[in-house]
Amino acid sequence: MLILNCPYCGCDKDETELSAGGEAHLKRFGPGASDAEFEGYLFGRVNPKGVHFERWRCASGCGKWFHAARCTATLEVFGTYKAQTLEPPQAIKDAISAKRPGWTWRDFS
């Protein structure tokens, strides 16, 4: 079972106490976006076998959204962090790189 730590309330929760919110760090487009940009935002998602960044909601606790870095193949959790963070903290990136040499991911800017 997947167990994540909410960075707001500090509680360890299993996945039945959380709500999944899909891929984290998506670029959202406003009213002036082209049709292609908006289509990409609505339908374009990665579903990797390996390291993935996701949004989760602490549904049975504080109710806040947070991000988690985990491996989709092994359920290994590399860390969680607040949803307002624009990119994963360096400590999480370092933890992933230590276990997955050569790991790369998209640009989070």
Protein backbone atom coordinates (compact mmCIF):
# COMPACT_ATOMS: atom_id res chain seq x y z
CA MET A 1 0.00 0.00 0.00
CA LEU A 2 1.18 3.51 -0.80
CA ILE A 3 1.88 5.64 2.28
CA LEU A 4 2.56 9.37 1.90
CA ASN A 5 3.41 12.04 4.46
CA CYS A 6 1.35 15.24 4.28
CA PRO A 7 3.84 18.14 4.45
CA TYR A 8 1.18 20.38 6.03
CA CYS A 9 -0.22 18.32 8.92
CA GLY A 10 2.79 15.99 9.15
CA CYS A 11 0.69 12.82 9.21
CA ASP A 12 1.53 9.61 7.39
CA LYS A 13 -1.54 8.56 5.40
CA ASP A 14 -2.23 5.51 3.29
CA GLU A 15 -3.71 5.95 -0.15
CA THR A 16 -7.26 5.27 1.08
CA GLU A 17 -7.06 8.45 3.18
CA LEU A 18 -5.85 10.55 0.25
CA SER A 19 -7.30 11.70 -3.06
CA ALA A 20 -5.14 11.45 -6.17
CA GLY A 21 -5.05 14.54 -8.34
CA GLY A 22 -2.98 13.45 -11.32
CA GLU A 23 0.31 14.73 -12.67
CA ALA A 24 2.04 17.58 -10.83
CA HIS A 25 3.78 20.64 -12.28
CA LEU A 26 1.56 21.08 -15.32
CA LYS A 27 1.75 24.39 -17.15
CA ARG A 28 -1.73 25.86 -17.13
CA PHE A 29 -2.77 28.10 -20.01
CA GLY A 30 -5.04 31.11 -19.69
CA PRO A 31 -7.74 32.59 -21.92
CA GLY A 32 -5.24 33.71 -24.56
CA ALA A 33 -3.93 30.21 -25.18
CA SER A 34 -4.00 28.60 -28.59
CA ASP A 35 -6.19 25.58 -29.24
CA ALA A 36 -3.11 23.34 -29.34
CA GLU A 37 -1.83 24.63 -25.98
CA PHE A 38 -5.21 24.16 -24.35
CA GLU A 39 -5.61 20.68 -25.85
CA GLY A 40 -2.17 19.73 -24.51
CA TYR A 41 -3.12 20.99 -21.05
CA LEU A 42 -6.41 19.06 -21.01
CA PHE A 43 -5.28 15.78 -22.53
CA GLY A 44 -1.49 15.58 -22.63
CA ARG A 45 -0.22 13.60 -19.64
CA VAL A 46 2.82 11.44 -19.10
CA ASN A 47 2.38 8.04 -17.54
CA PRO A 48 5.92 6.82 -16.98
CA LYS A 49 7.08 3.52 -15.62
CA GLY A 50 9.42 4.88 -13.00
CA VAL A 51 9.77 8.25 -11.28
CA HIS A 52 6.65 10.40 -11.41
CA PHE A 53 5.51 13.61 -9.73
CA GLU A 54 1.87 13.62 -8.63
CA ARG A 55 -0.66 15.79 -6.82
CA TRP A 56 -2.41 14.38 -3.76
CA ARG A 57 -5.01 15.78 -1.36
CA CYS A 58 -4.99 15.00 2.35
CA ALA A 59 -8.70 14.14 2.20
CA SER A 60 -9.12 12.69 5.69
CA GLY A 61 -6.83 15.21 7.38
CA CYS A 62 -6.12 18.87 6.71
CA GLY A 63 -7.67 18.84 3.21
CA LYS A 64 -4.70 20.52 1.53
CA TRP A 65 -3.07 19.57 -1.77
CA PHE A 66 0.57 18.48 -1.90
CA HIS A 67 3.01 16.92 -4.35
CA ALA A 68 4.70 13.53 -4.11
CA ALA A 69 7.67 12.08 -5.98
CA ARG A 70 7.41 8.32 -6.31
CA CYS A 71 8.25 5.37 -8.51
CA THR A 72 5.18 3.98 -10.27
CA ALA A 73 6.81 0.56 -10.69
CA THR A 74 7.88 -0.06 -7.08
CA LEU A 75 5.72 2.43 -5.09
CA GLU A 76 8.93 3.78 -3.55
CA VAL A 77 8.31 7.31 -2.26
CA PHE A 78 11.16 9.79 -2.63
CA GLY A 79 9.40 12.58 -0.75
CA THR A 80 6.48 14.93 -0.50
CA TYR A 81 6.36 18.71 -0.58
CA LYS A 82 3.86 21.58 -0.58
CA ALA A 83 1.81 22.17 -3.72
CA GLN A 84 2.82 25.83 -3.97
CA THR A 85 6.39 24.76 -4.73
CA LEU A 86 7.18 25.38 -8.39
CA GLU A 87 9.71 22.55 -8.67
CA PRO A 88 10.74 19.63 -6.48
CA PRO A 89 13.11 20.49 -3.63
CA GLN A 90 16.77 19.72 -4.27
CA ALA A 91 16.79 17.05 -1.53
CA ILE A 92 14.14 15.06 -3.42
CA LYS A 93 15.96 15.45 -6.73
CA ASP A 94 19.16 14.26 -5.04
CA ALA A 95 17.37 11.25 -3.49
CA ILE A 96 16.04 10.24 -6.91
CA SER A 97 19.43 10.69 -8.59
CA ALA A 98 21.14 8.62 -5.88
CA LYS A 99 18.83 5.65 -6.52
CA ARG A 100 18.38 6.17 -10.26
CA PRO A 101 21.73 7.28 -11.77
CA GLY A 102 21.23 9.08 -15.05
CA TRP A 103 17.65 9.99 -14.18
CA THR A 104 16.29 12.97 -16.05
CA TRP A 105 12.94 14.67 -16.14
CA ARG A 106 11.40 17.61 -17.88
CA ASP A 107 12.18 21.24 -17.18
CA PHE A 108 9.96 22.48 -14.34
CA SER A 109 10.15 26.17 -15.16
